[in-house]
Amino acid sequence: MRYFLKILPPYLKKLSTGIVKTDTHACLQVYEPIMNKNKEVRKPRYDGRTKKRQWEERRSDKGEGLDPTLPKLQKVIDKIPASEKTLADKIKRRKYAILLGYLGTDYYGMQRNPHTKTIEEDLFKALLKANFISQDCYNQVQNMQFQRAARTDKGVSAARQVVSLKLGENFDIGKVNVELPETIRLFSHKRVTKGFNSKSQCDARTYIYLMPTIAFAKKDSETLQRNFRLDGETFKKINDLLRMYLGTKNYHNFTAKKKPQDPSSKRVIKSFECEAPFIKDDVEFCILKVCGQSFMMHQIRKMIGLIVSIVRGQTSENIVNLALSMEKVNIPRVPGLGLILDQVHYNYYNSRYGSDGMHEKLTWEDAEPEVKEFKEKYIFPTIITTEIEHESMVDWLTSKLRKHSFTETEEKDGNDSDEDAEDDNDNEEKVQKNNV
């Protein structure tokens, strides 16, 4: 009993006189609430015998054998007046991945924005006109779980963009293409898992940049665009410089409003190369191809802009390592005309679900002829013709790059806004996972 009094809290010791006069059982009654104060209160175990449920959709008799006194279950669709129901409301919906391509020169990017001409806006209108989505889904795309693999910038095209959304089992690509302009085409669609997300489950994205090789001429050269040809030594130097980007690097200098300490500034570049030049209408062009896990706003255009500056002799090679460090460097960005989203990759999804007997791999071999035809008919000719007629790259070299300062805090360019996103997202989780 004396030991019990010693361990009592101070505010109970004042009651010790009264406690001593009582028996041990009474003392325990006083102290028990204090001991159990921090005890976890467990939720009562569920007892199915005390509750009744109706499983109308899972029963063969559709609920006829259930207790008639219980209220009947009702789907949300059944609450819609019959006069307001559309074909899209009545058909069971499934999750699909759609492969599409578009020429982005006349659009303000992929992502839907109010009062703005975008790729998604035209796509949603076509789906609505073809009766594959309801007005409710058109107004709120979250209702059909819509997601894009990559968010492209103003003027940027795509050869193989992928979107995911829920559509009726009667979905027909041909009927949607009839409602779309010729510069936007749906190539193929495949059933995917219920939880599939075209953005978060994308392993990597491949972009290409189509540009005239005059961009790599020395800064004091007066060679005309039609006369310039890239020599072997310069071609090798370009590829050597591009390989400096490989791996996980800090790209806070290659976008806007990112601090060096921000974890999302780190990005993974898997490959970056310059393909062999080719001549079109007497002008030499080349394609720079980059594959990365994800990209930030303006990142690709600035990566190329820095390489162009080095090859032209406007800065030294050491600036690459400086730009990828914690130091602040102002990097020029090339015009957006030649940038194309070439491919999105789903390697993990394909390995896990592609051979399960219910789903297909998202490799799209069946649509390859259509994709190639679309690129050669709309995307490449538009970029090449515009470049030859307006010489946008030459204009950028003379009017902006020549005056560029690598020490300024920000690049002054009135043609692009910070709201325009060159690529997809700030996928911080995937970057950190890759770094473990």
Protein backbone atom coordinates (compact mmCIF):
# COMPACT_ATOMS: atom_id res chain seq x y z
CA MET A 1 0.00 0.00 0.00
CA ARG A 2 2.85 2.40 0.84
CA TYR A 3 4.50 1.65 -2.53
CA PHE A 4 1.25 2.40 -4.28
CA LEU A 5 1.07 5.83 -2.60
CA LYS A 6 4.66 6.63 -3.67
CA ILE A 7 3.90 6.20 -7.37
CA LEU A 8 0.74 8.31 -7.30
CA PRO A 9 0.95 11.62 -9.17
CA PRO A 10 1.45 14.73 -6.95
CA TYR A 11 -2.10 15.97 -7.39
CA LEU A 12 -3.40 12.64 -6.01
CA LYS A 13 -1.04 12.60 -3.04
CA LYS A 14 -3.20 15.32 -1.52
CA LEU A 15 -5.96 12.74 -1.41
CA SER A 16 -3.66 10.19 0.28
CA THR A 17 -5.35 10.58 3.62
CA GLY A 18 -8.69 9.65 2.15
CA ILE A 19 -7.21 6.86 0.05
CA VAL A 20 -5.46 5.27 3.04
CA LYS A 21 -8.73 5.05 4.85
CA THR A 22 -10.27 3.13 1.96
CA ASP A 23 -9.46 -0.37 0.87
CA THR A 24 -7.07 -1.36 -1.93
CA HIS A 25 -9.92 -1.97 -4.36
CA ALA A 26 -11.13 1.61 -3.96
CA CYS A 27 -7.59 2.94 -4.59
CA LEU A 28 -7.37 1.01 -7.81
CA GLN A 29 -10.71 2.42 -8.87
CA VAL A 30 -9.30 5.94 -8.43
CA TYR A 31 -6.04 5.23 -10.31
CA GLU A 32 -7.44 3.01 -13.04
CA PRO A 33 -8.84 5.88 -15.21
CA ILE A 34 -5.43 7.55 -15.10
CA MET A 35 -3.64 4.38 -16.22
CA ASN A 36 -6.08 3.84 -19.07
CA LYS A 37 -6.14 7.45 -20.17
CA ASN A 38 -3.71 6.90 -23.07
CA LYS A 39 -4.99 3.47 -23.97
CA GLU A 40 -6.00 3.14 -27.63
CA VAL A 41 -9.74 2.82 -28.06
CA ARG A 42 -10.43 0.04 -30.53
CA LYS A 43 -13.25 0.26 -33.01
CA PRO A 44 -15.88 -2.44 -32.42
CA ARG A 45 -15.38 -5.41 -34.69
CA TYR A 46 -17.70 -5.52 -37.66
CA ASP A 47 -20.48 -8.05 -37.22
CA GLY A 48 -22.19 -8.83 -40.50
CA ARG A 49 -25.09 -10.51 -38.69
CA THR A 50 -26.33 -7.16 -37.40
CA LYS A 51 -26.44 -5.48 -40.82
CA LYS A 52 -28.19 -6.29 -44.05
CA ARG A 53 -26.85 -5.53 -47.48
CA GLN A 54 -28.28 -5.73 -50.94
CA TRP A 55 -26.14 -7.02 -53.79
CA GLU A 56 -28.55 -6.55 -56.67
CA GLU A 57 -25.93 -6.39 -59.38
CA ARG A 58 -24.06 -9.47 -58.14
CA ARG A 59 -27.06 -11.76 -57.72
CA SER A 60 -28.45 -13.89 -60.50
CA ASP A 61 -32.01 -13.00 -59.43
CA LYS A 62 -31.19 -9.26 -59.51
CA GLY A 63 -32.35 -8.82 -55.94
CA GLU A 64 -35.74 -10.51 -56.20
CA GLY A 65 -34.90 -12.82 -53.29
CA LEU A 66 -33.91 -9.98 -50.97
CA ASP A 67 -36.03 -8.55 -48.19
CA PRO A 68 -38.72 -6.44 -49.97
CA THR A 69 -38.94 -4.08 -47.00
CA LEU A 70 -35.38 -2.76 -47.59
CA PRO A 71 -34.88 0.31 -49.82
CA LYS A 72 -33.78 -0.55 -53.35
CA LEU A 73 -30.31 0.40 -54.55
CA GLN A 74 -30.17 2.92 -57.36
CA LYS A 75 -27.30 3.78 -59.71
CA VAL A 76 -26.40 7.41 -60.34
CA ILE A 77 -27.25 6.91 -64.01
CA ASP A 78 -30.77 5.79 -63.03
CA LYS A 79 -31.31 9.12 -61.28
CA ILE A 80 -30.83 11.03 -64.54
CA PRO A 81 -34.16 11.79 -66.25
CA ALA A 82 -34.71 9.64 -69.34
CA SER A 83 -35.05 12.74 -71.51
CA GLU A 84 -31.54 13.89 -70.56
CA LYS A 85 -29.72 10.56 -71.06
CA THR A 86 -27.34 10.26 -74.01
CA LEU A 87 -25.79 7.23 -75.69
CA ALA A 88 -22.57 7.93 -73.77
CA ASP A 89 -24.50 7.69 -70.47
CA LYS A 90 -26.07 4.34 -71.26
CA ILE A 91 -22.99 2.37 -72.40
CA LYS A 92 -20.62 0.76 -69.90
CA ARG A 93 -17.26 2.50 -69.84
CA ARG A 94 -13.76 1.03 -69.75
CA LYS A 95 -10.26 2.53 -69.37
CA TYR A 96 -8.45 3.03 -72.69
CA ALA A 97 -5.08 4.35 -73.85
CA ILE A 98 -5.21 6.30 -77.12
CA LEU A 99 -2.26 6.98 -79.41
CA LEU A 100 -2.54 10.28 -81.29
CA GLY A 101 -0.43 12.74 -83.24
CA TYR A 102 -0.83 16.43 -83.97
CA LEU A 103 0.76 19.41 -85.64
CA GLY A 104 1.06 22.02 -82.92
CA THR A 105 2.05 25.11 -84.93
CA ASP A 106 -1.43 26.69 -84.73
CA TYR A 107 -2.14 25.68 -81.12
CA TYR A 108 -1.28 27.06 -77.71
CA GLY A 109 -0.07 23.72 -76.41
CA MET A 110 -1.62 20.39 -75.54
CA GLN A 111 -3.29 21.17 -72.21
CA ARG A 112 -6.79 22.62 -72.13
CA ASN A 113 -6.98 26.29 -71.14
CA PRO A 114 -10.08 28.53 -71.05
CA HIS A 115 -10.66 30.65 -74.18
CA THR A 116 -7.52 29.20 -75.82
CA LYS A 117 -7.06 27.01 -78.89
CA THR A 118 -5.49 23.80 -77.61
CA ILE A 119 -5.18 20.19 -78.78
CA GLU A 120 -7.23 18.84 -75.88
CA GLU A 121 -10.10 21.25 -76.53
CA ASP A 122 -10.45 20.03 -80.13
CA LEU A 123 -10.16 16.41 -78.96
CA PHE A 124 -12.90 16.78 -76.34
CA LYS A 125 -15.21 18.50 -78.81
CA ALA A 126 -14.72 15.67 -81.31
CA LEU A 127 -15.44 13.02 -78.66
CA LEU A 128 -18.59 14.89 -77.64
CA LYS A 129 -19.83 15.28 -81.23
CA ALA A 130 -19.19 11.58 -81.90
CA ASN A 131 -21.28 10.77 -78.79
CA PHE A 132 -18.46 8.96 -76.96
CA ILE A 133 -18.45 11.27 -73.92
CA SER A 134 -21.29 13.06 -72.15
CA GLN A 135 -21.65 16.79 -71.66
CA ASP A 136 -20.74 16.27 -68.03
CA CYS A 137 -17.42 14.62 -68.98
CA TYR A 138 -16.73 17.39 -71.50
CA ASN A 139 -17.20 20.03 -68.80
CA GLN A 140 -15.28 18.09 -66.13
CA VAL A 141 -12.70 15.77 -67.72
CA GLN A 142 -11.86 14.33 -64.29
CA ASN A 143 -15.19 12.46 -64.50
CA MET A 144 -13.73 10.27 -67.27
CA GLN A 145 -10.29 10.06 -65.57
CA PHE A 146 -8.57 11.85 -68.44
CA GLN A 147 -4.77 12.19 -68.36
CA ARG A 148 -2.06 13.01 -70.92
CA ALA A 149 1.41 11.46 -71.04
CA ALA A 150 3.19 14.75 -71.80
CA ARG A 151 2.15 18.39 -71.75
CA THR A 152 3.61 20.07 -74.83
CA ASP A 153 4.31 23.77 -75.27
CA LYS A 154 2.86 26.32 -77.66
CA GLY A 155 3.77 25.38 -81.24
CA VAL A 156 5.20 21.96 -80.28
CA SER A 157 4.01 18.94 -82.29
CA ALA A 158 3.68 15.27 -81.35
CA ALA A 159 4.06 12.12 -83.43
CA ARG A 160 3.11 9.67 -80.65
CA GLN A 161 1.26 11.28 -77.78
CA VAL A 162 -0.72 9.02 -75.41
CA VAL A 163 -3.81 9.89 -73.37
CA SER A 164 -5.83 7.70 -71.01
CA LEU A 165 -9.53 7.99 -70.24
CA LYS A 166 -12.71 6.02 -69.67
CA LEU A 167 -14.81 5.44 -72.78
CA GLY A 168 -17.70 3.25 -73.84
CA GLU A 169 -17.05 -0.22 -75.20
CA ASN A 170 -18.45 0.97 -78.55
CA PHE A 171 -15.55 3.42 -79.05
CA ASP A 172 -14.62 3.90 -82.71
CA ILE A 173 -11.52 5.92 -83.70
CA GLY A 174 -12.80 6.49 -87.23
CA LYS A 175 -15.88 8.35 -86.02
CA VAL A 176 -13.74 10.68 -83.87
CA ASN A 177 -11.25 11.40 -86.68
CA VAL A 178 -14.16 12.57 -88.85
CA GLU A 179 -14.83 15.32 -86.30
CA LEU A 180 -11.16 16.30 -85.91
CA PRO A 181 -9.10 18.62 -88.14
CA GLU A 182 -6.59 16.87 -90.43
CA THR A 183 -3.69 18.04 -88.28
CA ILE A 184 -4.91 15.94 -85.32
CA ARG A 185 -5.19 12.18 -85.81
CA LEU A 186 -6.04 9.27 -83.52
CA PHE A 187 -4.00 6.25 -84.61
CA SER A 188 -4.92 3.43 -82.24
CA HIS A 189 -6.50 2.57 -78.89
CA LYS A 190 -6.06 -0.30 -76.41
CA ARG A 191 -7.79 -1.48 -73.26
CA VAL A 192 -5.66 -0.89 -70.18
CA THR A 193 -5.90 -1.69 -66.49
CA LYS A 194 -8.49 0.12 -64.39
CA GLY A 195 -5.83 2.12 -62.53
CA PHE A 196 -3.73 3.00 -65.59
CA ASN A 197 -2.51 6.60 -65.79
CA SER A 198 -0.75 7.66 -68.99
CA LYS A 199 1.31 10.29 -67.16
CA SER A 200 2.42 8.64 -63.91
CA GLN A 201 3.06 5.22 -65.46
CA CYS A 202 5.17 6.57 -68.30
CA ASP A 203 8.80 5.43 -67.83
CA ALA A 204 10.38 7.87 -70.28
CA ARG A 205 9.69 10.32 -73.09
CA THR A 206 11.61 10.80 -76.32
CA TYR A 207 11.73 14.18 -78.08
CA ILE A 208 13.35 15.14 -81.37
CA TYR A 209 14.40 18.60 -82.48
CA LEU A 210 14.52 19.25 -86.22
CA MET A 211 16.83 22.16 -87.05
CA PRO A 212 18.98 23.57 -89.88
CA THR A 213 22.69 22.89 -89.40
CA ILE A 214 23.45 26.59 -89.99
CA ALA A 215 22.89 26.88 -86.22
CA PHE A 216 26.32 25.26 -85.69
CA ALA A 217 28.21 27.70 -87.95
CA LYS A 218 30.87 29.86 -86.27
CA LYS A 219 29.50 33.11 -84.87
CA ASP A 220 31.47 35.27 -87.31
CA SER A 221 30.59 33.13 -90.34
CA GLU A 222 28.67 34.84 -93.14
CA THR A 223 27.72 31.60 -94.90
CA LEU A 224 24.15 31.49 -96.19
CA GLN A 225 21.78 28.84 -94.87
CA ARG A 226 21.53 27.14 -98.28
CA ASN A 227 25.31 26.88 -98.62
CA PHE A 228 26.27 25.65 -95.16
CA ARG A 229 27.22 21.99 -94.62
CA LEU A 230 28.19 20.37 -91.32
CA ASP A 231 31.69 18.83 -91.35
CA GLY A 232 32.63 15.57 -89.63
CA GLU A 233 34.70 17.19 -86.89
CA THR A 234 31.89 19.51 -85.82
CA PHE A 235 29.39 16.66 -85.96
CA LYS A 236 31.55 14.61 -83.58
CA LYS A 237 31.97 17.58 -81.23
CA ILE A 238 28.19 18.05 -81.04
CA ASN A 239 27.65 14.44 -79.97
CA ASP A 240 30.49 14.63 -77.43
CA LEU A 241 28.86 17.68 -75.86
CA LEU A 242 25.40 16.10 -75.84
CA ARG A 243 26.76 13.12 -73.90
CA MET A 244 27.67 15.46 -71.03
CA TYR A 245 23.96 15.58 -70.17
CA LEU A 246 23.64 11.83 -69.60
CA GLY A 247 22.69 10.57 -66.15
CA THR A 248 21.05 12.36 -63.24
CA LYS A 249 21.85 16.08 -63.21
CA ASN A 250 20.55 19.26 -61.63
CA TYR A 251 18.70 21.28 -64.32
CA HIS A 252 17.57 24.28 -62.25
CA ASN A 253 19.28 26.57 -64.81
CA PHE A 254 17.39 24.98 -67.70
CA THR A 255 13.90 26.05 -66.65
CA ALA A 256 12.14 28.93 -64.90
CA LYS A 257 11.53 29.56 -61.20
CA LYS A 258 13.43 26.53 -59.91
CA LYS A 259 15.92 26.68 -57.07
CA PRO A 260 19.06 24.49 -56.99
CA GLN A 261 17.95 22.86 -53.74
CA ASP A 262 14.59 21.81 -55.17
CA PRO A 263 14.63 17.97 -55.52
CA SER A 264 12.47 18.21 -58.67
CA SER A 265 15.31 20.07 -60.42
CA LYS A 266 17.11 16.75 -60.81
CA ARG A 267 16.26 14.95 -64.04
CA VAL A 268 17.43 11.71 -65.65
CA ILE A 269 18.65 11.80 -69.27
CA LYS A 270 19.03 8.34 -70.78
CA SER A 271 20.32 9.24 -74.26
CA PHE A 272 21.04 12.35 -76.34
CA GLU A 273 22.46 12.28 -79.84
CA CYS A 274 22.64 14.19 -83.12
CA GLU A 275 21.64 12.07 -86.12
CA ALA A 276 23.31 12.30 -89.51
CA PRO A 277 22.42 15.47 -91.47
CA PHE A 278 20.16 15.38 -94.54
CA ILE A 279 19.38 17.91 -97.27
CA LYS A 280 15.89 19.15 -98.09
CA ASP A 281 15.30 21.82 -100.76
CA ASP A 282 19.03 22.67 -100.77
CA VAL A 283 19.06 23.30 -97.00
CA GLU A 284 20.86 20.92 -94.64
CA PHE A 285 18.95 19.76 -91.55
CA CYS A 286 19.72 17.46 -88.64
CA ILE A 287 17.69 15.84 -85.86
CA LEU A 288 18.69 15.93 -82.21
CA LYS A 289 17.08 13.08 -80.28
CA VAL A 290 16.80 13.03 -76.48
CA CYS A 291 15.26 10.41 -74.19
CA GLY A 292 14.64 11.25 -70.55
CA GLN A 293 12.47 10.23 -67.64
CA SER A 294 10.69 13.59 -67.57
CA PHE A 295 11.39 17.19 -68.56
CA MET A 296 10.66 20.66 -67.21
CA MET A 297 9.46 23.80 -68.91
CA HIS A 298 11.93 24.89 -71.65
CA GLN A 299 14.48 22.28 -70.53
CA ILE A 300 15.11 20.65 -73.91
CA ARG A 301 15.26 23.95 -75.79
CA LYS A 302 17.79 25.32 -73.30
CA MET A 303 19.90 22.14 -73.40
CA ILE A 304 20.17 22.53 -77.18
CA GLY A 305 20.66 26.30 -76.91
CA LEU A 306 23.71 25.80 -74.70
CA ILE A 307 25.31 23.30 -77.11
CA VAL A 308 24.70 25.67 -80.05
CA SER A 309 26.39 28.49 -78.11
CA ILE A 310 29.47 26.35 -77.43
CA VAL A 311 29.85 25.04 -81.00
CA ARG A 312 29.47 28.57 -82.40
CA GLY A 313 32.25 29.78 -80.10
CA GLN A 314 30.17 32.14 -77.95
CA THR A 315 31.17 30.37 -74.73
CA SER A 316 33.50 27.59 -73.55
CA GLU A 317 32.77 23.92 -72.85
CA ASN A 318 33.29 24.50 -69.13
CA ILE A 319 29.93 26.24 -68.93
CA VAL A 320 28.12 22.88 -69.21
CA ASN A 321 29.45 21.68 -65.85
CA LEU A 322 28.83 25.14 -64.38
CA ALA A 323 25.23 25.18 -65.62
CA LEU A 324 24.65 21.73 -64.08
CA SER A 325 26.04 22.88 -60.72
CA MET A 326 24.40 24.95 -57.98
CA GLU A 327 25.60 28.20 -59.60
CA LYS A 328 23.20 30.49 -61.47
CA VAL A 329 23.70 30.63 -65.25
CA ASN A 330 21.42 32.24 -67.80
CA ILE A 331 21.04 29.82 -70.73
CA PRO A 332 19.57 30.69 -74.14
CA ARG A 333 16.76 28.59 -75.58
CA VAL A 334 16.28 27.74 -79.25
CA PRO A 335 12.93 28.41 -81.01
CA GLY A 336 10.12 25.96 -80.31
CA LEU A 337 9.27 25.32 -83.98
CA GLY A 338 11.35 22.15 -84.44
CA LEU A 339 10.48 20.40 -81.17
CA ILE A 340 8.43 17.19 -81.52
CA LEU A 341 7.26 14.66 -78.94
CA ASP A 342 8.33 11.49 -80.73
CA GLN A 343 7.50 8.69 -78.32
CA VAL A 344 6.36 7.83 -74.79
CA HIS A 345 7.58 4.62 -73.15
CA TYR A 346 5.73 2.17 -70.86
CA ASN A 347 8.36 -0.52 -70.27
CA TYR A 348 7.30 -1.40 -66.71
CA TYR A 349 3.61 -1.55 -67.60
CA ASN A 350 4.36 -3.73 -70.64
CA SER A 351 6.44 -6.20 -68.63
CA ARG A 352 3.84 -6.51 -65.88
CA TYR A 353 0.55 -6.47 -67.80
CA GLY A 354 1.46 -6.89 -71.47
CA SER A 355 1.51 -10.69 -71.30
CA ASP A 356 -1.25 -11.35 -68.76
CA GLY A 357 -3.67 -12.52 -71.45
CA MET A 358 -6.09 -9.64 -70.87
CA HIS A 359 -4.11 -6.55 -71.90
CA GLU A 360 -1.83 -5.61 -74.77
CA LYS A 361 1.60 -4.02 -74.69
CA LEU A 362 1.60 -0.29 -75.38
CA THR A 363 4.15 -0.49 -78.19
CA TRP A 364 1.77 0.43 -81.05
CA GLU A 365 3.49 -1.49 -83.87
CA ASP A 366 0.16 -1.77 -85.70
CA ALA A 367 -0.09 2.02 -85.97
CA GLU A 368 3.50 2.63 -87.13
CA PRO A 369 2.66 3.07 -90.87
CA GLU A 370 0.02 5.70 -90.03
CA VAL A 371 2.36 7.52 -87.64
CA LYS A 372 5.14 7.65 -90.23
CA GLU A 373 2.74 8.90 -92.91
CA PHE A 374 1.40 11.63 -90.59
CA LYS A 375 4.92 12.84 -89.70
CA GLU A 376 6.02 13.00 -93.33
CA LYS A 377 2.80 14.62 -94.52
CA TYR A 378 2.20 17.25 -91.83
CA ILE A 379 4.89 17.65 -89.15
CA PHE A 380 8.22 17.52 -91.02
CA PRO A 381 7.09 19.48 -94.13
CA THR A 382 5.57 22.26 -92.02
CA ILE A 383 8.73 22.70 -89.93
CA ILE A 384 11.08 22.52 -92.94
CA THR A 385 8.99 24.85 -95.12
CA THR A 386 8.58 27.41 -92.32
CA GLU A 387 12.31 27.28 -91.57
CA ILE A 388 13.30 27.77 -95.20
CA GLU A 389 10.81 30.56 -95.90
CA HIS A 390 11.14 32.53 -92.65
CA GLU A 391 14.62 31.45 -91.47
CA SER A 392 13.46 31.49 -87.84
CA MET A 393 16.67 29.82 -86.64
CA VAL A 394 18.88 32.34 -88.48
CA ASP A 395 16.80 35.17 -87.05
CA TRP A 396 17.22 33.77 -83.52
CA LEU A 397 20.99 33.43 -84.00
CA THR A 398 21.43 37.04 -85.11
CA SER A 399 18.81 38.88 -83.05
CA LYS A 400 18.96 37.00 -79.73
CA LEU A 401 21.86 34.59 -79.31
CA ARG A 402 24.45 37.10 -80.51
CA LYS A 403 23.35 39.53 -77.77
CA HIS A 404 22.83 36.90 -75.10
CA SER A 405 24.46 37.30 -71.69
CA PHE A 406 25.08 34.18 -69.62
CA THR A 407 25.24 36.21 -66.40
CA GLU A 408 21.81 37.83 -66.54
CA THR A 409 19.28 36.52 -64.02
CA GLU A 410 16.62 35.70 -66.61
CA GLU A 411 16.36 35.43 -70.36
CA LYS A 412 14.17 38.19 -71.76
CA ASP A 413 11.84 36.70 -74.36
CA GLY A 414 8.40 38.11 -74.94
CA ASN A 415 7.25 35.30 -77.20
CA ASP A 416 7.06 32.60 -74.53
CA SER A 417 5.25 32.78 -71.23
CA ASP A 418 6.01 30.91 -68.05
CA GLU A 419 2.61 29.25 -68.25
CA ASP A 420 3.60 27.38 -71.42
CA ALA A 421 5.08 24.04 -70.39
CA GLU A 422 7.50 22.44 -72.79
CA ASP A 423 6.93 19.01 -71.41
CA ASP A 424 5.00 16.97 -68.99
CA ASN A 425 5.40 17.47 -65.28
CA ASP A 426 7.51 17.87 -62.21
CA ASN A 427 7.61 14.18 -61.47
CA GLU A 428 9.63 14.43 -58.28
CA GLU A 429 8.71 11.00 -56.92
CA LYS A 430 10.00 9.14 -59.98
CA VAL A 431 13.25 11.12 -59.99
CA GLN A 432 13.90 10.40 -56.33
CA LYS A 433 13.03 6.72 -56.79
CA ASN A 434 15.55 6.47 -59.62
CA ASN A 435 18.25 8.05 -57.48
CA VAL A 436 17.92 5.51 -54.64
